[in-house]
Each structure stands twice: as structure tokens, then as C-alpha cells.
Full PDB file with SEQRES, HELIX, SHEET, SSBOND, CRYST1, ORIGX, SCALE, CONECT and MASTER records, all heavy atoms in Angstrom:
SEQRES   1 A   30  GLY ARG GLN THR ILE LEU LEU VAL GLN GLY GLY THR GLY          
SEQRES   2 A   30  GLY SER LEU VAL VAL ARG ARG GLU LEU HIS ALA ALA GLY          
SEQRES   3 A   30  CYS ARG ALA ALA                                              
HELIX    1 AA1 GLY A   14  ALA A   24  1                                  11    
CRYST1    1.000    1.000    1.000  90.00  90.00  90.00 P 1           1          
ORIGX1      1.000000  0.000000  0.000000        0.00000                         
ORIGX2      0.000000  1.000000  0.000000        0.00000                         
ORIGX3      0.000000  0.000000  1.000000        0.00000                         
SCALE1      1.000000  0.000000  0.000000        0.00000                         
SCALE2      0.000000  1.000000  0.000000        0.00000                         
SCALE3      0.000000  0.000000  1.000000        0.00000                         
ATOM      1  N   GLY A   1      -4.888  14.278   7.072  1.00  0.00           N  
ATOM      2  CA  GLY A   1      -5.881  14.039   6.041  1.00  0.00           C  
ATOM      3  C   GLY A   1      -5.546  12.924   5.077  1.00  0.00           C  
ATOM      4  O   GLY A   1      -6.375  12.509   4.301  1.00  0.00           O  
ATOM      5  N   ARG A   2      -4.330  12.430   5.096  1.00  0.00           N  
ATOM      6  CA  ARG A   2      -3.910  11.365   4.182  1.00  0.00           C  
ATOM      7  C   ARG A   2      -2.872  10.526   4.922  1.00  0.00           C  
ATOM      8  O   ARG A   2      -2.022  11.058   5.603  1.00  0.00           O  
ATOM      9  CB  ARG A   2      -3.300  11.976   2.935  1.00  0.00           C  
ATOM     10  CG  ARG A   2      -2.982  10.992   1.848  1.00  0.00           C  
ATOM     11  CD  ARG A   2      -2.456  11.751   0.622  1.00  0.00           C  
ATOM     12  NE  ARG A   2      -2.223  10.851  -0.469  1.00  0.00           N  
ATOM     13  CZ  ARG A   2      -2.919  10.848  -1.601  1.00  0.00           C  
ATOM     14  NH1 ARG A   2      -3.892  11.706  -1.771  1.00  0.00           N  
ATOM     15  NH2 ARG A   2      -2.627   9.988  -2.557  1.00  0.00           N  
ATOM     16  N   GLN A   3      -2.940   9.227   4.760  1.00  0.00           N  
ATOM     17  CA  GLN A   3      -2.023   8.352   5.479  1.00  0.00           C  
ATOM     18  C   GLN A   3      -0.916   7.861   4.536  1.00  0.00           C  
ATOM     19  O   GLN A   3      -1.160   7.625   3.357  1.00  0.00           O  
ATOM     20  CB  GLN A   3      -2.792   7.156   6.033  1.00  0.00           C  
ATOM     21  CG  GLN A   3      -2.087   6.418   7.136  1.00  0.00           C  
ATOM     22  CD  GLN A   3      -3.017   5.425   7.811  1.00  0.00           C  
ATOM     23  OE1 GLN A   3      -3.491   4.483   7.182  1.00  0.00           O  
ATOM     24  NE2 GLN A   3      -3.282   5.638   9.077  1.00  0.00           N  
ATOM     25  N   THR A   4       0.300   7.742   5.082  1.00  0.00           N  
ATOM     26  CA  THR A   4       1.422   7.172   4.351  1.00  0.00           C  
ATOM     27  C   THR A   4       1.799   5.849   4.996  1.00  0.00           C  
ATOM     28  O   THR A   4       1.942   5.776   6.216  1.00  0.00           O  
ATOM     29  CB  THR A   4       2.651   8.111   4.380  1.00  0.00           C  
ATOM     30  OG1 THR A   4       2.332   9.324   3.713  1.00  0.00           O  
ATOM     31  CG2 THR A   4       3.854   7.468   3.703  1.00  0.00           C  
ATOM     32  N   ILE A   5       1.941   4.812   4.192  1.00  0.00           N  
ATOM     33  CA  ILE A   5       2.446   3.521   4.655  1.00  0.00           C  
ATOM     34  C   ILE A   5       3.857   3.391   4.101  1.00  0.00           C  
ATOM     35  O   ILE A   5       4.050   3.427   2.885  1.00  0.00           O  
ATOM     36  CB  ILE A   5       1.571   2.355   4.159  1.00  0.00           C  
ATOM     37  CG1 ILE A   5       0.150   2.496   4.696  1.00  0.00           C  
ATOM     38  CG2 ILE A   5       2.189   1.012   4.567  1.00  0.00           C  
ATOM     39  CD1 ILE A   5      -0.830   1.503   4.101  1.00  0.00           C  
ATOM     40  N   LEU A   6       4.840   3.272   4.994  1.00  0.00           N  
ATOM     41  CA  LEU A   6       6.233   3.110   4.590  1.00  0.00           C  
ATOM     42  C   LEU A   6       6.663   1.682   4.866  1.00  0.00           C  
ATOM     43  O   LEU A   6       6.588   1.210   5.999  1.00  0.00           O  
ATOM     44  CB  LEU A   6       7.149   4.074   5.360  1.00  0.00           C  
ATOM     45  CG  LEU A   6       8.650   3.849   5.165  1.00  0.00           C  
ATOM     46  CD1 LEU A   6       9.066   4.092   3.710  1.00  0.00           C  
ATOM     47  CD2 LEU A   6       9.445   4.742   6.111  1.00  0.00           C  
ATOM     48  N   LEU A   7       7.113   0.988   3.834  1.00  0.00           N  
ATOM     49  CA  LEU A   7       7.643  -0.357   3.975  1.00  0.00           C  
ATOM     50  C   LEU A   7       9.157  -0.260   4.085  1.00  0.00           C  
ATOM     51  O   LEU A   7       9.808   0.276   3.187  1.00  0.00           O  
ATOM     52  CB  LEU A   7       7.286  -1.205   2.752  1.00  0.00           C  
ATOM     53  CG  LEU A   7       5.815  -1.294   2.382  1.00  0.00           C  
ATOM     54  CD1 LEU A   7       5.654  -2.050   1.077  1.00  0.00           C  
ATOM     55  CD2 LEU A   7       5.030  -1.948   3.495  1.00  0.00           C  
ATOM     56  N   VAL A   8       9.695  -0.746   5.167  1.00  0.00           N  
ATOM     57  CA  VAL A   8      11.141  -0.791   5.319  1.00  0.00           C  
ATOM     58  C   VAL A   8      11.561  -2.202   4.957  1.00  0.00           C  
ATOM     59  O   VAL A   8      11.092  -3.165   5.567  1.00  0.00           O  
ATOM     60  CB  VAL A   8      11.574  -0.416   6.751  1.00  0.00           C  
ATOM     61  CG1 VAL A   8      13.088  -0.539   6.903  1.00  0.00           C  
ATOM     62  CG2 VAL A   8      11.118   0.996   7.086  1.00  0.00           C  
ATOM     63  N   GLN A   9      12.387  -2.324   3.936  1.00  0.00           N  
ATOM     64  CA  GLN A   9      12.734  -3.603   3.327  1.00  0.00           C  
ATOM     65  C   GLN A   9      11.490  -4.184   2.675  1.00  0.00           C  
ATOM     66  O   GLN A   9      11.214  -5.371   2.796  1.00  0.00           O  
ATOM     67  CB  GLN A   9      13.320  -4.583   4.332  1.00  0.00           C  
ATOM     68  CG  GLN A   9      14.756  -4.312   4.692  1.00  0.00           C  
ATOM     69  CD  GLN A   9      15.709  -4.558   3.552  1.00  0.00           C  
ATOM     70  OE1 GLN A   9      15.923  -3.691   2.745  1.00  0.00           O  
ATOM     71  NE2 GLN A   9      16.275  -5.720   3.482  1.00  0.00           N  
ATOM     72  N   GLY A  10      10.741  -3.347   2.025  1.00  0.00           N  
ATOM     73  CA  GLY A  10       9.530  -3.811   1.375  1.00  0.00           C  
ATOM     74  C   GLY A  10       9.798  -4.646   0.139  1.00  0.00           C  
ATOM     75  O   GLY A  10       8.898  -5.233  -0.419  1.00  0.00           O  
ATOM     76  N   GLY A  11      11.038  -4.707  -0.265  1.00  0.00           N  
ATOM     77  CA  GLY A  11      11.384  -5.440  -1.479  1.00  0.00           C  
ATOM     78  C   GLY A  11      11.072  -4.575  -2.685  1.00  0.00           C  
ATOM     79  O   GLY A  11      10.198  -3.716  -2.651  1.00  0.00           O  
ATOM     80  N   THR A  12      11.804  -4.755  -3.751  1.00  0.00           N  
ATOM     81  CA  THR A  12      11.549  -3.976  -4.951  1.00  0.00           C  
ATOM     82  C   THR A  12      10.126  -4.238  -5.413  1.00  0.00           C  
ATOM     83  O   THR A  12       9.728  -5.377  -5.615  1.00  0.00           O  
ATOM     84  CB  THR A  12      12.549  -4.351  -6.055  1.00  0.00           C  
ATOM     85  OG1 THR A  12      13.860  -4.131  -5.550  1.00  0.00           O  
ATOM     86  CG2 THR A  12      12.324  -3.534  -7.308  1.00  0.00           C  
ATOM     87  N   GLY A  13       9.364  -3.190  -5.512  1.00  0.00           N  
ATOM     88  CA  GLY A  13       7.971  -3.328  -5.919  1.00  0.00           C  
ATOM     89  C   GLY A  13       7.024  -3.642  -4.782  1.00  0.00           C  
ATOM     90  O   GLY A  13       5.846  -3.885  -5.011  1.00  0.00           O  
ATOM     91  N   GLY A  14       7.502  -3.624  -3.543  1.00  0.00           N  
ATOM     92  CA  GLY A  14       6.629  -3.900  -2.401  1.00  0.00           C  
ATOM     93  C   GLY A  14       5.452  -2.940  -2.338  1.00  0.00           C  
ATOM     94  O   GLY A  14       4.347  -3.320  -1.942  1.00  0.00           O  
ATOM     95  N   SER A  15       5.684  -1.702  -2.754  1.00  0.00           N  
ATOM     96  CA  SER A  15       4.602  -0.716  -2.763  1.00  0.00           C  
ATOM     97  C   SER A  15       3.477  -1.133  -3.706  1.00  0.00           C  
ATOM     98  O   SER A  15       2.306  -0.908  -3.429  1.00  0.00           O  
ATOM     99  CB  SER A  15       5.131   0.654  -3.186  1.00  0.00           C  
ATOM    100  OG  SER A  15       6.066   1.128  -2.265  1.00  0.00           O  
ATOM    101  N   LEU A  16       3.846  -1.730  -4.818  1.00  0.00           N  
ATOM    102  CA  LEU A  16       2.839  -2.211  -5.775  1.00  0.00           C  
ATOM    103  C   LEU A  16       2.003  -3.323  -5.160  1.00  0.00           C  
ATOM    104  O   LEU A  16       0.783  -3.369  -5.339  1.00  0.00           O  
ATOM    105  CB  LEU A  16       3.513  -2.707  -7.054  1.00  0.00           C  
ATOM    106  CG  LEU A  16       4.272  -1.650  -7.853  1.00  0.00           C  
ATOM    107  CD1 LEU A  16       5.106  -2.316  -8.935  1.00  0.00           C  
ATOM    108  CD2 LEU A  16       3.319  -0.633  -8.446  1.00  0.00           C  
ATOM    109  N   VAL A  17       2.651  -4.220  -4.425  1.00  0.00           N  
ATOM    110  CA  VAL A  17       1.943  -5.326  -3.776  1.00  0.00           C  
ATOM    111  C   VAL A  17       0.965  -4.785  -2.740  1.00  0.00           C  
ATOM    112  O   VAL A  17      -0.199  -5.184  -2.691  1.00  0.00           O  
ATOM    113  CB  VAL A  17       2.942  -6.314  -3.123  1.00  0.00           C  
ATOM    114  CG1 VAL A  17       2.213  -7.364  -2.297  1.00  0.00           C  
ATOM    115  CG2 VAL A  17       3.813  -6.963  -4.184  1.00  0.00           C  
ATOM    116  N   VAL A  18       1.426  -3.854  -1.926  1.00  0.00           N  
ATOM    117  CA  VAL A  18       0.555  -3.282  -0.888  1.00  0.00           C  
ATOM    118  C   VAL A  18      -0.602  -2.525  -1.517  1.00  0.00           C  
ATOM    119  O   VAL A  18      -1.742  -2.663  -1.096  1.00  0.00           O  
ATOM    120  CB  VAL A  18       1.354  -2.392   0.082  1.00  0.00           C  
ATOM    121  CG1 VAL A  18       0.437  -1.609   1.002  1.00  0.00           C  
ATOM    122  CG2 VAL A  18       2.325  -3.242   0.889  1.00  0.00           C  
ATOM    123  N   ARG A  19      -0.332  -1.752  -2.538  1.00  0.00           N  
ATOM    124  CA  ARG A  19      -1.403  -1.011  -3.222  1.00  0.00           C  
ATOM    125  C   ARG A  19      -2.454  -1.994  -3.755  1.00  0.00           C  
ATOM    126  O   ARG A  19      -3.649  -1.782  -3.598  1.00  0.00           O  
ATOM    127  CB  ARG A  19      -0.789  -0.183  -4.357  1.00  0.00           C  
ATOM    128  CG  ARG A  19      -1.747   0.548  -5.216  1.00  0.00           C  
ATOM    129  CD  ARG A  19      -2.333   1.780  -4.633  1.00  0.00           C  
ATOM    130  NE  ARG A  19      -1.345   2.789  -4.344  1.00  0.00           N  
ATOM    131  CZ  ARG A  19      -1.573   3.767  -3.486  1.00  0.00           C  
ATOM    132  NH1 ARG A  19      -2.728   3.859  -2.866  1.00  0.00           N  
ATOM    133  NH2 ARG A  19      -0.670   4.668  -3.230  1.00  0.00           N  
ATOM    134  N   ARG A  20      -2.030  -3.091  -4.367  1.00  0.00           N  
ATOM    135  CA  ARG A  20      -2.957  -4.103  -4.891  1.00  0.00           C  
ATOM    136  C   ARG A  20      -3.770  -4.729  -3.757  1.00  0.00           C  
ATOM    137  O   ARG A  20      -4.989  -4.906  -3.870  1.00  0.00           O  
ATOM    138  CB  ARG A  20      -2.186  -5.185  -5.646  1.00  0.00           C  
ATOM    139  CG  ARG A  20      -3.106  -6.241  -6.244  1.00  0.00           C  
ATOM    140  CD  ARG A  20      -2.354  -7.381  -6.875  1.00  0.00           C  
ATOM    141  NE  ARG A  20      -1.674  -8.107  -5.810  1.00  0.00           N  
ATOM    142  CZ  ARG A  20      -0.490  -8.688  -5.914  1.00  0.00           C  
ATOM    143  NH1 ARG A  20       0.178  -8.637  -7.033  1.00  0.00           N  
ATOM    144  NH2 ARG A  20       0.043  -9.325  -4.895  1.00  0.00           N  
ATOM    145  N   GLU A  21      -3.122  -5.042  -2.620  1.00  0.00           N  
ATOM    146  CA  GLU A  21      -3.814  -5.661  -1.492  1.00  0.00           C  
ATOM    147  C   GLU A  21      -4.819  -4.694  -0.863  1.00  0.00           C  
ATOM    148  O   GLU A  21      -5.907  -5.109  -0.462  1.00  0.00           O  
ATOM    149  CB  GLU A  21      -2.815  -6.157  -0.448  1.00  0.00           C  
ATOM    150  CG  GLU A  21      -1.973  -7.322  -0.913  1.00  0.00           C  
ATOM    151  CD  GLU A  21      -2.793  -8.539  -1.266  1.00  0.00           C  
ATOM    152  OE1 GLU A  21      -3.786  -8.843  -0.571  1.00  0.00           O  
ATOM    153  OE2 GLU A  21      -2.464  -9.198  -2.277  1.00  0.00           O  
ATOM    154  N   LEU A  22      -4.466  -3.423  -0.771  1.00  0.00           N  
ATOM    155  CA  LEU A  22      -5.412  -2.435  -0.233  1.00  0.00           C  
ATOM    156  C   LEU A  22      -6.643  -2.346  -1.136  1.00  0.00           C  
ATOM    157  O   LEU A  22      -7.774  -2.299  -0.649  1.00  0.00           O  
ATOM    158  CB  LEU A  22      -4.745  -1.073  -0.097  1.00  0.00           C  
ATOM    159  CG  LEU A  22      -3.673  -0.955   0.983  1.00  0.00           C  
ATOM    160  CD1 LEU A  22      -2.956   0.383   0.871  1.00  0.00           C  
ATOM    161  CD2 LEU A  22      -4.267  -1.149   2.366  1.00  0.00           C  
ATOM    162  N   HIS A  23      -6.422  -2.335  -2.431  1.00  0.00           N  
ATOM    163  CA  HIS A  23      -7.546  -2.295  -3.372  1.00  0.00           C  
ATOM    164  C   HIS A  23      -8.411  -3.549  -3.226  1.00  0.00           C  
ATOM    165  O   HIS A  23      -9.640  -3.467  -3.184  1.00  0.00           O  
ATOM    166  CB  HIS A  23      -7.033  -2.153  -4.808  1.00  0.00           C  
ATOM    167  CG  HIS A  23      -8.117  -2.100  -5.819  1.00  0.00           C  
ATOM    168  ND1 HIS A  23      -8.901  -0.971  -6.007  1.00  0.00           N  
ATOM    169  CD2 HIS A  23      -8.587  -3.040  -6.677  1.00  0.00           C  
ATOM    170  CE1 HIS A  23      -9.791  -1.225  -6.940  1.00  0.00           C  
ATOM    171  NE2 HIS A  23      -9.620  -2.467  -7.369  1.00  0.00           N  
ATOM    172  N   ALA A  24      -7.765  -4.720  -3.113  1.00  0.00           N  
ATOM    173  CA  ALA A  24      -8.507  -5.982  -2.954  1.00  0.00           C  
ATOM    174  C   ALA A  24      -9.305  -6.007  -1.654  1.00  0.00           C  
ATOM    175  O   ALA A  24     -10.363  -6.631  -1.583  1.00  0.00           O  
ATOM    176  CB  ALA A  24      -7.541  -7.174  -2.998  1.00  0.00           C  
ATOM    177  N   ALA A  25      -8.818  -5.307  -0.630  1.00  0.00           N  
ATOM    178  CA  ALA A  25      -9.515  -5.260   0.661  1.00  0.00           C  
ATOM    179  C   ALA A  25     -10.633  -4.216   0.664  1.00  0.00           C  
ATOM    180  O   ALA A  25     -11.334  -4.058   1.654  1.00  0.00           O  
ATOM    181  CB  ALA A  25      -8.521  -4.950   1.777  1.00  0.00           C  
ATOM    182  N   GLY A  26     -10.778  -3.486  -0.445  1.00  0.00           N  
ATOM    183  CA  GLY A  26     -11.853  -2.505  -0.531  1.00  0.00           C  
ATOM    184  C   GLY A  26     -11.470  -1.128  -0.021  1.00  0.00           C  
ATOM    185  O   GLY A  26     -12.334  -0.278   0.189  1.00  0.00           O  
ATOM    186  N   CYS A  27     -10.193  -0.866   0.156  1.00  0.00           N  
ATOM    187  CA  CYS A  27      -9.744   0.440   0.638  1.00  0.00           C  
ATOM    188  C   CYS A  27      -9.947   1.490  -0.442  1.00  0.00           C  
ATOM    189  O   CYS A  27      -9.469   1.350  -1.558  1.00  0.00           O  
ATOM    190  CB  CYS A  27      -8.270   0.365   1.029  1.00  0.00           C  
ATOM    191  SG  CYS A  27      -7.597   1.970   1.526  1.00  0.00           S  
ATOM    192  N   ARG A  28     -10.648   2.537  -0.098  1.00  0.00           N  
ATOM    193  CA  ARG A  28     -10.862   3.643  -1.028  1.00  0.00           C  
ATOM    194  C   ARG A  28     -10.249   4.933  -0.486  1.00  0.00           C  
ATOM    195  O   ARG A  28     -10.400   5.994  -1.070  1.00  0.00           O  
ATOM    196  CB  ARG A  28     -12.354   3.846  -1.295  1.00  0.00           C  
ATOM    197  CG  ARG A  28     -13.035   2.621  -1.901  1.00  0.00           C  
ATOM    198  CD  ARG A  28     -12.475   2.298  -3.282  1.00  0.00           C  
ATOM    199  NE  ARG A  28     -13.061   1.087  -3.817  1.00  0.00           N  
ATOM    200  CZ  ARG A  28     -12.439  -0.086  -3.897  1.00  0.00           C  
ATOM    201  NH1 ARG A  28     -11.206  -0.215  -3.465  1.00  0.00           N  
ATOM    202  NH2 ARG A  28     -13.026  -1.139  -4.404  1.00  0.00           N  
ATOM    203  N   ALA A  29      -9.558   4.857   0.656  1.00  0.00           N  
ATOM    204  CA  ALA A  29      -8.934   6.037   1.260  1.00  0.00           C  
ATOM    205  C   ALA A  29      -7.753   6.485   0.415  1.00  0.00           C  
ATOM    206  O   ALA A  29      -7.131   5.696  -0.290  1.00  0.00           O  
ATOM    207  CB  ALA A  29      -8.461   5.709   2.678  1.00  0.00           C  
ATOM    208  N   ALA A  30      -7.444   7.775   0.492  1.00  0.00           N  
ATOM    209  CA  ALA A  30      -6.260   8.315  -0.177  1.00  0.00           C  
ATOM    210  C   ALA A  30      -5.039   7.915   0.649  1.00  0.00           C  
ATOM    211  O   ALA A  30      -4.868   8.365   1.776  1.00  0.00           O  
ATOM    212  CB  ALA A  30      -6.369   9.837  -0.274  1.00  0.00           C  
TER     213      ALA A  30                                                      
MASTER        0    0    0    1    0    0    0    6  212    1    0    3          
END                                                                             
């Protein structure tokens, strides 16, 4: 029911970058 994206070597704050890009792409999924 919910997807997890794991960044390996995502860099400090990589999760923030991905979250911003998903929002910019129009992703509304949990």
C-alpha cells in the first residue's frame, strides 16, 4: 500500500532532493 525508495549513497540530504523531485513531477502517492 505504500512504496519506499531507498537511496544507497544518496548523499547527505539525498532524500530531500528526491522528495522535491517527486513533488515537482506531480507525485501525490504516499
